[in-house]
Every structure is written in C-alpha cells, then in structure tokens.
C-alpha cells in the first residue's frame, strides 16, 4: 500500500497514511477539483449512452407502429366491405319489415 497518494488526474498529493483516516486514504483517487470534473465526465458518458439507447428504442417502436398500421389497413380492406354489406342487408331487411314485406333472405 502506498503511504502517500496522488491524484490520478493531476498528480497532486491528496493523502498521507499518517495524517488521514485509513478508509478515506484507501478510497480516495482524485483531489477535490478533479473529483468534480470526473463526476461530470462520468455523468455525461452515462447520459450519452442513455440517449443512444432511447433513440434506438423509439426508432424500433416507430417501425413497429408503422407495421401495425399497415396490417390494420390490409385487414380493413379485407373485412370492412363484408361488414358494410351486412349492415346494408340489415338496414334493407328493417326497411322491408317496416313496409310490411318479407325480406328475400327470410324466404330461403
């Protein structure tokens, strides 16, 4: 173990075994000024990686939404005309019942 510790960034003397608490001596790596700078650098690196992950996640989510919208359009194209026909047939049968006629679908 080193008796004297120096800042890993600026090489300034930061701790001496004889004058400092043992636990603070073994854990300290930077002087006060450099510790602030290193903390900001690490925070900036973490945020950069976070923003990169979020951008990729949002891009993936947008692609998924576009695929779902395309699938919905195709499904509507397939099923909506049949639904419209059913609604029209139902309306026609209701009109025929109100006029007192028997609908052609009931005759079969």
PDB file of N, CA and C in Angstrom:
ATOM      1  N   UNK A   1       0.847  -1.187   0.000  1.00  0.00           N
ATOM      2  CA  UNK A   1       0.000   0.000   0.000  1.00  0.00           C
ATOM      3  C   UNK A   1       0.882   1.236   0.000  1.00  0.00           C
ATOM      4  N   UNK A   2       0.423   2.230  -0.733  1.00  0.00           N
ATOM      5  CA  UNK A   2       1.178   3.476  -0.805  1.00  0.00           C
ATOM      6  C   UNK A   2       0.989   4.293   0.465  1.00  0.00           C
ATOM      7  N   UNK A   3       2.084   4.867   0.941  1.00  0.00           N
ATOM      8  CA  UNK A   3       1.983   5.737   2.111  1.00  0.00           C
ATOM      9  C   UNK A   3       1.458   7.112   1.721  1.00  0.00           C
ATOM     10  N   UNK A   4       1.754   7.535   0.522  1.00  0.00           N
ATOM     11  CA  UNK A   4       1.293   8.831   0.031  1.00  0.00           C
ATOM     12  C   UNK A   4       0.509   8.573  -1.255  1.00  0.00           C
ATOM     13  N   UNK A   5      -0.672   9.181  -1.358  1.00  0.00           N
ATOM     14  CA  UNK A   5      -1.482   9.020  -2.565  1.00  0.00           C
ATOM     15  C   UNK A   5      -1.522  10.323  -3.324  1.00  0.00           C
ATOM     16  N   UNK A   6      -1.518  10.161  -4.652  1.00  0.00           N
ATOM     17  CA  UNK A   6      -1.560  11.309  -5.550  1.00  0.00           C
ATOM     18  C   UNK A   6      -2.816  11.225  -6.415  1.00  0.00           C
ATOM     19  N   UNK A   7      -3.307  12.351  -6.831  1.00  0.00           N
ATOM     20  CA  UNK A   7      -4.483  12.431  -7.702  1.00  0.00           C
ATOM     21  C   UNK A   7      -4.155  11.739  -9.028  1.00  0.00           C
ATOM     22  N   UNK A   8      -5.044  10.873  -9.481  1.00  0.00           N
ATOM     23  CA  UNK A   8      -4.816  10.152 -10.726  1.00  0.00           C
ATOM     24  C   UNK A   8      -4.933  11.051 -11.948  1.00  0.00           C
ATOM     25  N   UNK A   9      -5.503  12.211 -11.769  1.00  0.00           N
ATOM     26  CA  UNK A   9      -5.721  13.107 -12.901  1.00  0.00           C
ATOM     27  C   UNK A   9      -4.653  14.202 -12.994  1.00  0.00           C
ATOM     28  N   UNK A  10      -4.354  14.827 -11.890  1.00  0.00           N
ATOM     29  CA  UNK A  10      -3.404  15.950 -11.948  1.00  0.00           C
ATOM     30  C   UNK A  10      -2.108  15.691 -11.180  1.00  0.00           C
ATOM     31  N   UNK A  11      -1.990  14.548 -10.545  1.00  0.00           N
ATOM     32  CA  UNK A  11      -0.792  14.124  -9.802  1.00  0.00           C
ATOM     33  C   UNK A  11      -0.469  15.007  -8.604  1.00  0.00           C
ATOM     34  N   UNK A  12      -1.457  15.655  -8.033  1.00  0.00           N
ATOM     35  CA  UNK A  12      -1.276  16.450  -6.831  1.00  0.00           C
ATOM     36  C   UNK A  12      -1.382  15.519  -5.618  1.00  0.00           C
ATOM     37  N   UNK A  13      -0.611  15.778  -4.568  1.00  0.00           N
ATOM     38  CA  UNK A  13      -0.670  14.966  -3.356  1.00  0.00           C
ATOM     39  C   UNK A  13      -2.034  15.169  -2.696  1.00  0.00           C
ATOM     40  N   UNK A  14      -2.722  14.043  -2.408  1.00  0.00           N
ATOM     41  CA  UNK A  14      -4.061  14.166  -1.831  1.00  0.00           C
ATOM     42  C   UNK A  14      -4.200  13.515  -0.460  1.00  0.00           C
ATOM     43  N   UNK A  15      -3.327  12.546  -0.135  1.00  0.00           N
ATOM     44  CA  UNK A  15      -3.498  11.868   1.147  1.00  0.00           C
ATOM     45  C   UNK A  15      -2.181  11.260   1.616  1.00  0.00           C
ATOM     46  N   UNK A  16      -2.040  11.217   2.929  1.00  0.00           N
ATOM     47  CA  UNK A  16      -0.868  10.596   3.550  1.00  0.00           C
ATOM     48  C   UNK A  16      -1.400   9.651   4.628  1.00  0.00           C
ATOM     49  N   UNK A  17      -0.830   8.458   4.722  1.00  0.00           N
ATOM     50  CA  UNK A  17      -1.282   7.452   5.680  1.00  0.00           C
ATOM     51  C   UNK A  17      -1.242   7.985   7.105  1.00  0.00           C
ATOM     52  N   UNK A  18      -0.254   8.729   7.447  1.00  0.00           N
ATOM     53  CA  UNK A  18      -0.061   9.188   8.827  1.00  0.00           C
ATOM     54  C   UNK A  18      -1.019  10.316   9.221  1.00  0.00           C
ATOM     55  N   UNK A  19      -1.535  11.060   8.255  1.00  0.00           N
ATOM     56  CA  UNK A  19      -2.380  12.206   8.600  1.00  0.00           C
ATOM     57  C   UNK A  19      -3.857  11.999   8.259  1.00  0.00           C
ATOM     58  N   UNK A  20      -4.198  10.926   7.550  1.00  0.00           N
ATOM     59  CA  UNK A  20      -5.594  10.722   7.128  1.00  0.00           C
ATOM     60  C   UNK A  20      -6.165   9.452   7.752  1.00  0.00           C
ATOM     61  N   UNK A  21      -7.470   9.389   7.780  1.00  0.00           N
ATOM     62  CA  UNK A  21      -8.164   8.176   8.204  1.00  0.00           C
ATOM     63  C   UNK A  21      -7.855   7.075   7.180  1.00  0.00           C
ATOM     64  N   UNK A  22      -7.685   5.843   7.648  1.00  0.00           N
ATOM     65  CA  UNK A  22      -7.269   4.738   6.779  1.00  0.00           C
ATOM     66  C   UNK A  22      -8.271   4.507   5.647  1.00  0.00           C
ATOM     67  N   UNK A  23      -9.563   4.487   5.955  1.00  0.00           N
ATOM     68  CA  UNK A  23     -10.571   4.199   4.928  1.00  0.00           C
ATOM     69  C   UNK A  23     -10.676   5.312   3.895  1.00  0.00           C
ATOM     70  N   UNK A  24     -10.561   6.533   4.329  1.00  0.00           N
ATOM     71  CA  UNK A  24     -10.594   7.615   3.342  1.00  0.00           C
ATOM     72  C   UNK A  24      -9.317   7.590   2.507  1.00  0.00           C
ATOM     73  N   UNK A  25      -8.224   7.176   3.096  1.00  0.00           N
ATOM     74  CA  UNK A  25      -6.953   7.105   2.369  1.00  0.00           C
ATOM     75  C   UNK A  25      -7.015   6.050   1.255  1.00  0.00           C
ATOM     76  N   UNK A  26      -7.607   4.893   1.540  1.00  0.00           N
ATOM     77  CA  UNK A  26      -7.619   3.842   0.523  1.00  0.00           C
ATOM     78  C   UNK A  26      -8.690   4.078  -0.553  1.00  0.00           C
ATOM     79  N   UNK A  27      -9.721   4.871  -0.260  1.00  0.00           N
ATOM     80  CA  UNK A  27     -10.793   5.062  -1.242  1.00  0.00           C
ATOM     81  C   UNK A  27     -10.611   6.296  -2.119  1.00  0.00           C
ATOM     82  N   UNK A  28      -9.836   7.246  -1.696  1.00  0.00           N
ATOM     83  CA  UNK A  28      -9.699   8.497  -2.443  1.00  0.00           C
ATOM     84  C   UNK A  28      -8.826   8.284  -3.678  1.00  0.00           C
ATOM     85  N   UNK A  29      -9.261   8.847  -4.805  1.00  0.00           N
ATOM     86  CA  UNK A  29      -8.499   8.738  -6.049  1.00  0.00           C
ATOM     87  C   UNK A  29      -8.148  10.090  -6.644  1.00  0.00           C
ATOM     88  N   UNK A  30      -9.000  11.094  -6.382  1.00  0.00           N
ATOM     89  CA  UNK A  30      -8.827  12.396  -7.018  1.00  0.00           C
ATOM     90  C   UNK A  30      -8.837  13.507  -5.973  1.00  0.00           C
ATOM     91  N   UNK A  31      -8.227  14.622  -6.331  1.00  0.00           N
ATOM     92  CA  UNK A  31      -8.302  15.808  -5.473  1.00  0.00           C
ATOM     93  C   UNK A  31      -9.711  16.385  -5.607  1.00  0.00           C
ATOM     94  N   UNK A  32     -10.065  17.361  -4.789  1.00  0.00           N
ATOM     95  CA  UNK A  32     -11.421  17.902  -4.791  1.00  0.00           C
ATOM     96  C   UNK A  32     -11.813  18.479  -6.146  1.00  0.00           C
ATOM     97  N   UNK A  33     -10.912  19.220  -6.760  1.00  0.00           N
ATOM     98  CA  UNK A  33     -11.219  19.839  -8.053  1.00  0.00           C
ATOM     99  C   UNK A  33     -11.408  18.779  -9.146  1.00  0.00           C
ATOM    100  N   UNK A  34     -10.521  17.805  -9.185  1.00  0.00           N
ATOM    101  CA  UNK A  34     -10.604  16.765 -10.211  1.00  0.00           C
ATOM    102  C   UNK A  34     -11.790  15.841  -9.973  1.00  0.00           C
ATOM    103  N   UNK A  35     -12.180  15.632  -8.721  1.00  0.00           N
ATOM    104  CA  UNK A  35     -13.320  14.765  -8.413  1.00  0.00           C
ATOM    105  C   UNK A  35     -14.597  15.334  -9.033  1.00  0.00           C
ATOM    106  N   UNK A  36     -14.760  16.641  -8.977  1.00  0.00           N
ATOM    107  CA  UNK A  36     -15.930  17.281  -9.589  1.00  0.00           C
ATOM    108  C   UNK A  36     -15.921  17.078 -11.098  1.00  0.00           C
ATOM    109  N   UNK A  37     -14.767  17.273 -11.719  1.00  0.00           N
ATOM    110  CA  UNK A  37     -14.644  17.122 -13.169  1.00  0.00           C
ATOM    111  C   UNK A  37     -14.910  15.674 -13.591  1.00  0.00           C
ATOM    112  N   UNK A  38     -14.325  14.727 -12.859  1.00  0.00           N
ATOM    113  CA  UNK A  38     -14.507  13.309 -13.189  1.00  0.00           C
ATOM    114  C   UNK A  38     -15.973  12.910 -13.036  1.00  0.00           C
ATOM    115  N   UNK A  39     -16.626  13.407 -11.993  1.00  0.00           N
ATOM    116  CA  UNK A  39     -18.043  13.100 -11.785  1.00  0.00           C
ATOM    117  C   UNK A  39     -18.879  13.614 -12.954  1.00  0.00           C
ATOM    118  N   UNK A  40     -18.597  14.826 -13.423  1.00  0.00           N
ATOM    119  CA  UNK A  40     -19.322  15.386 -14.568  1.00  0.00           C
ATOM    120  C   UNK A  40     -19.053  14.599 -15.845  1.00  0.00           C
ATOM    121  N   UNK A  41     -17.809  14.172 -16.041  1.00  0.00           N
ATOM    122  CA  UNK A  41     -17.475  13.378 -17.225  1.00  0.00           C
ATOM    123  C   UNK A  41     -18.218  12.041 -17.222  1.00  0.00           C
ATOM    124  N   UNK A  42     -18.264  11.390 -16.068  1.00  0.00           N
ATOM    125  CA  UNK A  42     -18.970  10.107 -15.972  1.00  0.00           C
ATOM    126  C   UNK A  42     -20.467  10.286 -16.192  1.00  0.00           C
ATOM    127  N   UNK A  43     -21.030  11.348 -15.635  1.00  0.00           N
ATOM    128  CA  UNK A  43     -22.454  11.629 -15.824  1.00  0.00           C
ATOM    129  C   UNK A  43     -22.747  11.884 -17.301  1.00  0.00           C
ATOM    130  N   UNK A  44     -21.889  12.659 -17.959  1.00  0.00           N
ATOM    131  CA  UNK A  44     -22.076  12.943 -19.380  1.00  0.00           C
ATOM    132  C   UNK A  44     -22.009  11.657 -20.203  1.00  0.00           C
ATOM    133  N   UNK A  45     -21.087  10.767 -19.874  1.00  0.00           N
ATOM    134  CA  UNK A  45     -20.967   9.498 -20.603  1.00  0.00           C
ATOM    135  C   UNK A  45     -22.208   8.630 -20.392  1.00  0.00           C
ATOM    136  N   UNK A  46     -22.713   8.580 -19.153  1.00  0.00           N
ATOM    137  CA  UNK A  46     -23.930   7.804 -18.872  1.00  0.00           C
ATOM    138  C   UNK A  46     -25.124   8.357 -19.636  1.00  0.00           C
ATOM    139  N   UNK A  47     -25.273   9.670 -19.645  1.00  0.00           N
ATOM    140  CA  UNK A  47     -26.386  10.294 -20.348  1.00  0.00           C
ATOM    141  C   UNK A  47     -26.292  10.075 -21.858  1.00  0.00           C
ATOM    142  N   UNK A  48     -25.084  10.117 -22.375  1.00  0.00           N
ATOM    143  CA  UNK A  48     -24.891   9.880 -23.809  1.00  0.00           C
ATOM    144  C   UNK A  48     -25.346   8.473 -24.181  1.00  0.00           C
ATOM    145  N   UNK A  49     -24.969   7.489 -23.385  1.00  0.00           N
ATOM    146  CA  UNK A  49     -25.381   6.106 -23.639  1.00  0.00           C
ATOM    147  C   UNK A  49     -26.896   5.950 -23.462  1.00  0.00           C
ATOM    148  N   UNK A  50     -27.463   6.610 -22.463  1.00  0.00           N
ATOM    149  CA  UNK A  50     -28.906   6.545 -22.227  1.00  0.00           C
ATOM    150  C   UNK A  50     -29.670   7.121 -23.418  1.00  0.00           C
ATOM    151  N   UNK A  51     -29.232   8.281 -23.903  1.00  0.00           N
ATOM    152  CA  UNK A  51     -29.901   8.903 -25.049  1.00  0.00           C
ATOM    153  C   UNK A  51     -29.784   8.037 -26.293  1.00  0.00           C
ATOM    154  N   UNK A  52     -28.643   7.387 -26.453  1.00  0.00           N
ATOM    155  CA  UNK A  52     -28.447   6.496 -27.592  1.00  0.00           C
ATOM    156  C   UNK A  52     -29.411   5.309 -27.512  1.00  0.00           C
ATOM    157  N   UNK A  53     -29.558   4.714 -26.320  1.00  0.00           N
ATOM    158  CA  UNK A  53     -30.492   3.595 -26.137  1.00  0.00           C
ATOM    159  C   UNK A  53     -31.932   4.030 -26.371  1.00  0.00           C
ATOM    160  N   UNK A  54     -32.303   5.216 -25.847  1.00  0.00           N
ATOM    161  CA  UNK A  54     -33.657   5.720 -26.015  1.00  0.00           C
ATOM    162  C   UNK A  54     -33.971   6.000 -27.485  1.00  0.00           C
ATOM    163  N   UNK A  55     -33.013   6.554 -28.201  1.00  0.00           N
ATOM    164  CA  UNK A  55     -33.210   6.832 -29.616  1.00  0.00           C
ATOM    165  C   UNK A  55     -33.440   5.530 -30.381  1.00  0.00           C
ATOM    166  N   UNK A  56     -32.660   4.498 -30.085  1.00  0.00           N
ATOM    167  CA  UNK A  56     -32.831   3.201 -30.739  1.00  0.00           C
ATOM    168  C   UNK A  56     -34.173   2.588 -30.374  1.00  0.00           C
ATOM    169  N   UNK A  57     -34.590   2.705 -29.115  1.00  0.00           N
ATOM    170  CA  UNK A  57     -35.865   2.151 -28.670  1.00  0.00           C
ATOM    171  C   UNK A  57     -37.032   2.851 -29.361  1.00  0.00           C
ATOM    172  N   UNK A  58     -36.967   4.175 -29.454  1.00  0.00           N
ATOM    173  CA  UNK A  58     -38.041   4.923 -30.103  1.00  0.00           C
ATOM    174  C   UNK A  58     -38.109   4.615 -31.597  1.00  0.00           C
ATOM    175  N   UNK A  59     -36.952   4.436 -32.220  1.00  0.00           N
ATOM    176  CA  UNK A  59     -36.924   4.089 -33.639  1.00  0.00           C
ATOM    177  C   UNK A  59     -37.572   2.726 -33.856  1.00  0.00           C
ATOM    178  N   UNK A  60     -37.247   1.770 -33.005  1.00  0.00           N
ATOM    179  CA  UNK A  60     -37.835   0.438 -33.089  1.00  0.00           C
ATOM    180  C   UNK A  60     -39.342   0.488 -32.851  1.00  0.00           C
ATOM    181  N   UNK A  61     -39.754   1.286 -31.890  1.00  0.00           N
ATOM    182  CA  UNK A  61     -41.171   1.426 -31.572  1.00  0.00           C
ATOM    183  C   UNK A  61     -41.927   2.051 -32.750  1.00  0.00           C
ATOM    184  N   UNK A  62     -41.339   3.046 -33.395  1.00  0.00           N
ATOM    185  CA  UNK A  62     -41.956   3.690 -34.545  1.00  0.00           C
ATOM    186  C   UNK A  62     -42.108   2.711 -35.710  1.00  0.00           C
ATOM    187  N   UNK A  63     -41.090   1.901 -35.949  1.00  0.00           N
ATOM    188  CA  UNK A  63     -41.172   0.890 -37.006  1.00  0.00           C
ATOM    189  C   UNK A  63     -42.286  -0.106 -36.704  1.00  0.00           C
ATOM    190  N   UNK A  64     -42.415  -0.512 -35.454  1.00  0.00           N
ATOM    191  CA  UNK A  64     -43.456  -1.451 -35.049  1.00  0.00           C
ATOM    192  C   UNK A  64     -44.842  -0.851 -35.267  1.00  0.00           C
ATOM    193  N   UNK A  65     -45.000   0.426 -34.926  1.00  0.00           N
ATOM    194  CA  UNK A  65     -46.273   1.112 -35.114  1.00  0.00           C
ATOM    195  C   UNK A  65     -46.623   1.187 -36.599  1.00  0.00           C
ATOM    196  N   UNK A  66     -45.635   1.485 -37.440  1.00  0.00           N
ATOM    197  CA  UNK A  66     -45.886   1.544 -38.881  1.00  0.00           C
ATOM    198  C   UNK A  66     -46.311   0.185 -39.416  1.00  0.00           C
ATOM    199  N   UNK A  67     -45.689  -0.887 -38.934  1.00  0.00           N
ATOM    200  CA  UNK A  67     -46.090  -2.230 -39.358  1.00  0.00           C
ATOM    201  C   UNK A  67     -47.523  -2.538 -38.930  1.00  0.00           C
ATOM    202  N   UNK A  68     -47.876  -2.161 -37.707  1.00  0.00           N
ATOM    203  CA  UNK A  68     -49.239  -2.391 -37.225  1.00  0.00           C
ATOM    204  C   UNK A  68     -50.265  -1.606 -38.039  1.00  0.00           C
ATOM    205  N   UNK A  69     -49.922  -0.364 -38.378  1.00  0.00           N
ATOM    206  CA  UNK A  69     -50.840   0.442 -39.181  1.00  0.00           C
ATOM    207  C   UNK A  69     -51.044  -0.173 -40.564  1.00  0.00           C
ATOM    208  N   UNK A  70     -49.967  -0.663 -41.177  1.00  0.00           N
ATOM    209  CA  UNK A  70     -50.083  -1.314 -42.486  1.00  0.00           C
ATOM    210  C   UNK A  70     -50.941  -2.574 -42.371  1.00  0.00           C
ATOM    211  N   UNK A  71     -50.728  -3.339 -41.324  1.00  0.00           N
ATOM    212  CA  UNK A  71     -51.524  -4.545 -41.112  1.00  0.00           C
ATOM    213  C   UNK A  71     -53.001  -4.192 -40.909  1.00  0.00           C
ATOM    214  N   UNK A  72     -53.283  -3.143 -40.161  1.00  0.00           N
ATOM    215  CA  UNK A  72     -54.659  -2.709 -39.943  1.00  0.00           C
ATOM    216  C   UNK A  72     -55.316  -2.267 -41.249  1.00  0.00           C
ATOM    217  N   UNK A  73     -54.581  -1.539 -42.078  1.00  0.00           N
ATOM    218  CA  UNK A  73     -55.126  -1.129 -43.380  1.00  0.00           C
ATOM    219  C   UNK A  73     -55.497  -2.346 -44.218  1.00  0.00           C
ATOM    220  N   UNK A  74     -54.609  -3.338 -44.249  1.00  0.00           N
ATOM    221  CA  UNK A  74     -54.883  -4.549 -45.028  1.00  0.00           C
ATOM    222  C   UNK A  74     -56.088  -5.311 -44.473  1.00  0.00           C
ATOM    223  N   UNK A  75     -56.181  -5.395 -43.164  1.00  0.00           N
ATOM    224  CA  UNK A  75     -57.319  -6.082 -42.565  1.00  0.00           C
ATOM    225  C   UNK A  75     -58.623  -5.344 -42.831  1.00  0.00           C
ATOM    226  N   UNK A  76     -58.590  -4.030 -42.763  1.00  0.00           N
ATOM    227  CA  UNK A  76     -59.790  -3.249 -43.061  1.00  0.00           C
ATOM    228  C   UNK A  76     -60.222  -3.469 -44.503  1.00  0.00           C
ATOM    229  N   UNK A  77     -59.243  -3.494 -45.388  1.00  0.00           N
ATOM    230  CA  UNK A  77     -59.536  -3.709 -46.797  1.00  0.00           C
ATOM    231  C   UNK A  77     -60.205  -5.068 -47.010  1.00  0.00           C
ATOM    232  N   UNK A  78     -59.789  -6.074 -46.240  1.00  0.00           N
ATOM    233  CA  UNK A  78     -60.365  -7.403 -46.385  1.00  0.00           C
ATOM    234  C   UNK A  78     -61.736  -7.535 -45.737  1.00  0.00           C
ATOM    235  N   UNK A  79     -61.894  -7.004 -44.543  1.00  0.00           N
ATOM    236  CA  UNK A  79     -63.100  -7.271 -43.763  1.00  0.00           C
ATOM    237  C   UNK A  79     -64.136  -6.159 -43.783  1.00  0.00           C
ATOM    238  N   UNK A  80     -63.760  -4.949 -44.034  1.00  0.00           N
ATOM    239  CA  UNK A  80     -64.707  -3.847 -43.980  1.00  0.00           C
ATOM    240  C   UNK A  80     -65.788  -3.959 -45.043  1.00  0.00           C
ATOM    241  N   UNK A  81     -65.493  -4.333 -46.277  1.00  0.00           N
ATOM    242  CA  UNK A  81     -66.567  -4.453 -47.270  1.00  0.00           C
ATOM    243  C   UNK A  81     -67.626  -5.473 -46.852  1.00  0.00           C
ATOM    244  N   UNK A  82     -67.238  -6.578 -46.255  1.00  0.00           N
ATOM    245  CA  UNK A  82     -68.224  -7.567 -45.816  1.00  0.00           C
ATOM    246  C   UNK A  82     -69.060  -7.020 -44.669  1.00  0.00           C
ATOM    247  N   UNK A  83     -68.451  -6.265 -43.794  1.00  0.00           N
ATOM    248  CA  UNK A  83     -69.191  -5.659 -42.693  1.00  0.00           C
ATOM    249  C   UNK A  83     -70.189  -4.636 -43.230  1.00  0.00           C
ATOM    250  N   UNK A  84     -69.778  -3.866 -44.227  1.00  0.00           N
ATOM    251  CA  UNK A  84     -70.671  -2.871 -44.809  1.00  0.00           C
ATOM    252  C   UNK A  84     -71.855  -3.560 -45.483  1.00  0.00           C
ATOM    253  N   UNK A  85     -71.588  -4.690 -46.173  1.00  0.00           N
ATOM    254  CA  UNK A  85     -72.667  -5.433 -46.808  1.00  0.00           C
ATOM    255  C   UNK A  85     -73.652  -5.954 -45.768  1.00  0.00           C
ATOM    256  N   UNK A  86     -73.147  -6.475 -44.668  1.00  0.00           N
ATOM    257  CA  UNK A  86     -74.016  -6.980 -43.618  1.00  0.00           C
ATOM    258  C   UNK A  86     -74.892  -5.870 -43.051  1.00  0.00           C
ATOM    259  N   UNK A  87     -74.293  -4.697 -42.849  1.00  0.00           N
ATOM    260  CA  UNK A  87     -75.055  -3.558 -42.327  1.00  0.00           C
ATOM    261  C   UNK A  87     -76.122  -3.139 -43.323  1.00  0.00           C
ATOM    262  N   UNK A  88     -75.758  -3.076 -44.607  1.00  0.00           N
ATOM    263  CA  UNK A  88     -76.729  -2.705 -45.632  1.00  0.00           C
ATOM    264  C   UNK A  88     -77.871  -3.720 -45.709  1.00  0.00           C
ATOM    265  N   UNK A  89     -77.554  -5.011 -45.653  1.00  0.00           N
ATOM    266  CA  UNK A  89     -78.584  -6.048 -45.686  1.00  0.00           C
ATOM    267  C   UNK A  89     -79.518  -5.921 -44.482  1.00  0.00           C
ATOM    268  N   UNK A  90     -78.933  -5.637 -43.342  1.00  0.00           N
ATOM    269  CA  UNK A  90     -79.734  -5.489 -42.134  1.00  0.00           C
ATOM    270  C   UNK A  90     -80.668  -4.273 -42.270  1.00  0.00           C
ATOM    271  N   UNK A  91     -80.150  -3.179 -42.791  1.00  0.00           N
ATOM    272  CA  UNK A  91     -80.966  -1.979 -42.977  1.00  0.00           C
ATOM    273  C   UNK A  91     -82.091  -2.244 -43.980  1.00  0.00           C
ATOM    274  N   UNK A  92     -81.783  -2.967 -45.048  1.00  0.00           N
ATOM    275  CA  UNK A  92     -82.803  -3.280 -46.039  1.00  0.00           C
ATOM    276  C   UNK A  92     -83.887  -4.173 -45.444  1.00  0.00           C
ATOM    277  N   UNK A  93     -83.497  -5.138 -44.647  1.00  0.00           N
ATOM    278  CA  UNK A  93     -84.496  -6.013 -44.027  1.00  0.00           C
ATOM    279  C   UNK A  93     -85.355  -5.243 -43.036  1.00  0.00           C
ATOM    280  N   UNK A  94     -84.752  -4.294 -42.320  1.00  0.00           N
ATOM    281  CA  UNK A  94     -85.525  -3.464 -41.393  1.00  0.00           C
ATOM    282  C   UNK A  94     -86.514  -2.599 -42.154  1.00  0.00           C
ATOM    283  N   UNK A  95     -86.097  -2.065 -43.289  1.00  0.00           N
ATOM    284  CA  UNK A  95     -86.989  -1.238 -44.099  1.00  0.00           C
ATOM    285  C   UNK A  95     -88.134  -2.080 -44.654  1.00  0.00           C
ATOM    286  N   UNK A  96     -87.789  -3.305 -45.071  1.00  0.00           N
ATOM    287  CA  UNK A  96     -88.822  -4.178 -45.628  1.00  0.00           C
ATOM    288  C   UNK A  96     -89.822  -4.580 -44.551  1.00  0.00           C
ATOM    289  N   UNK A  97     -89.356  -4.836 -43.352  1.00  0.00           N
ATOM    290  CA  UNK A  97     -90.257  -5.192 -42.256  1.00  0.00           C
ATOM    291  C   UNK A  97     -91.184  -4.034 -41.924  1.00  0.00           C
ATOM    292  N   UNK A  98     -90.639  -2.825 -41.929  1.00  0.00           N
ATOM    293  CA  UNK A  98     -91.470  -1.668 -41.615  1.00  0.00           C
ATOM    294  C   UNK A  98     -92.494  -1.401 -42.720  1.00  0.00           C
ATOM    295  N   UNK A  99     -92.182  -1.802 -43.947  1.00  0.00           N
ATOM    296  CA  UNK A  99     -93.124  -1.626 -45.068  1.00  0.00           C
ATOM    297  C   UNK A  99     -94.116  -2.787 -45.135  1.00  0.00           C
ATOM    298  N   UNK A 100     -93.913  -3.805 -44.350  1.00  0.00           N
ATOM    299  CA  UNK A 100     -94.822  -4.917 -44.319  1.00  0.00           C
ATOM    300  C   UNK A 100     -94.456  -6.032 -45.279  1.00  0.00           C
ATOM    301  N   UNK A 101     -93.301  -5.988 -45.917  1.00  0.00           N
ATOM    302  CA  UNK A 101     -92.874  -7.027 -46.830  1.00  0.00           C
ATOM    303  C   UNK A 101     -91.949  -7.979 -46.124  1.00  0.00           C
ATOM    304  N   UNK A 102     -91.880  -9.187 -46.657  1.00  0.00           N
ATOM    305  CA  UNK A 102     -90.967 -10.189 -46.107  1.00  0.00           C
ATOM    306  C   UNK A 102     -89.650 -10.092 -46.879  1.00  0.00           C
ATOM    307  N   UNK A 103     -88.499  -9.972 -46.164  1.00  0.00           N
ATOM    308  CA  UNK A 103     -87.231  -9.869 -46.867  1.00  0.00           C
ATOM    309  C   UNK A 103     -86.909 -11.152 -47.632  1.00  0.00           C
ATOM    310  N   UNK A 104     -86.168 -11.013 -48.709  1.00  0.00           N
ATOM    311  CA  UNK A 104     -85.835 -12.155 -49.561  1.00  0.00           C
ATOM    312  C   UNK A 104     -84.960 -13.156 -48.811  1.00  0.00           C
ATOM    313  N   UNK A 105     -84.155 -12.706 -47.884  1.00  0.00           N
ATOM    314  CA  UNK A 105     -83.287 -13.616 -47.144  1.00  0.00           C
ATOM    315  C   UNK A 105     -84.092 -14.521 -46.217  1.00  0.00           C
ATOM    316  N   UNK A 106     -85.276 -14.064 -45.770  1.00  0.00           N
ATOM    317  CA  UNK A 106     -86.117 -14.873 -44.894  1.00  0.00           C
ATOM    318  C   UNK A 106     -86.884 -15.939 -45.668  1.00  0.00           C
ATOM    319  N   UNK A 107     -87.070 -15.725 -46.948  1.00  0.00           N
ATOM    320  CA  UNK A 107     -87.818 -16.674 -47.780  1.00  0.00           C
ATOM    321  C   UNK A 107     -87.032 -17.953 -48.013  1.00  0.00           C
ATOM    322  N   UNK A 108     -85.764 -17.882 -47.948  1.00  0.00           N
ATOM    323  CA  UNK A 108     -84.939 -19.063 -48.237  1.00  0.00           C
ATOM    324  C   UNK A 108     -84.924 -20.034 -47.143  1.00  0.00           C
TER     325      UNK A 108
END
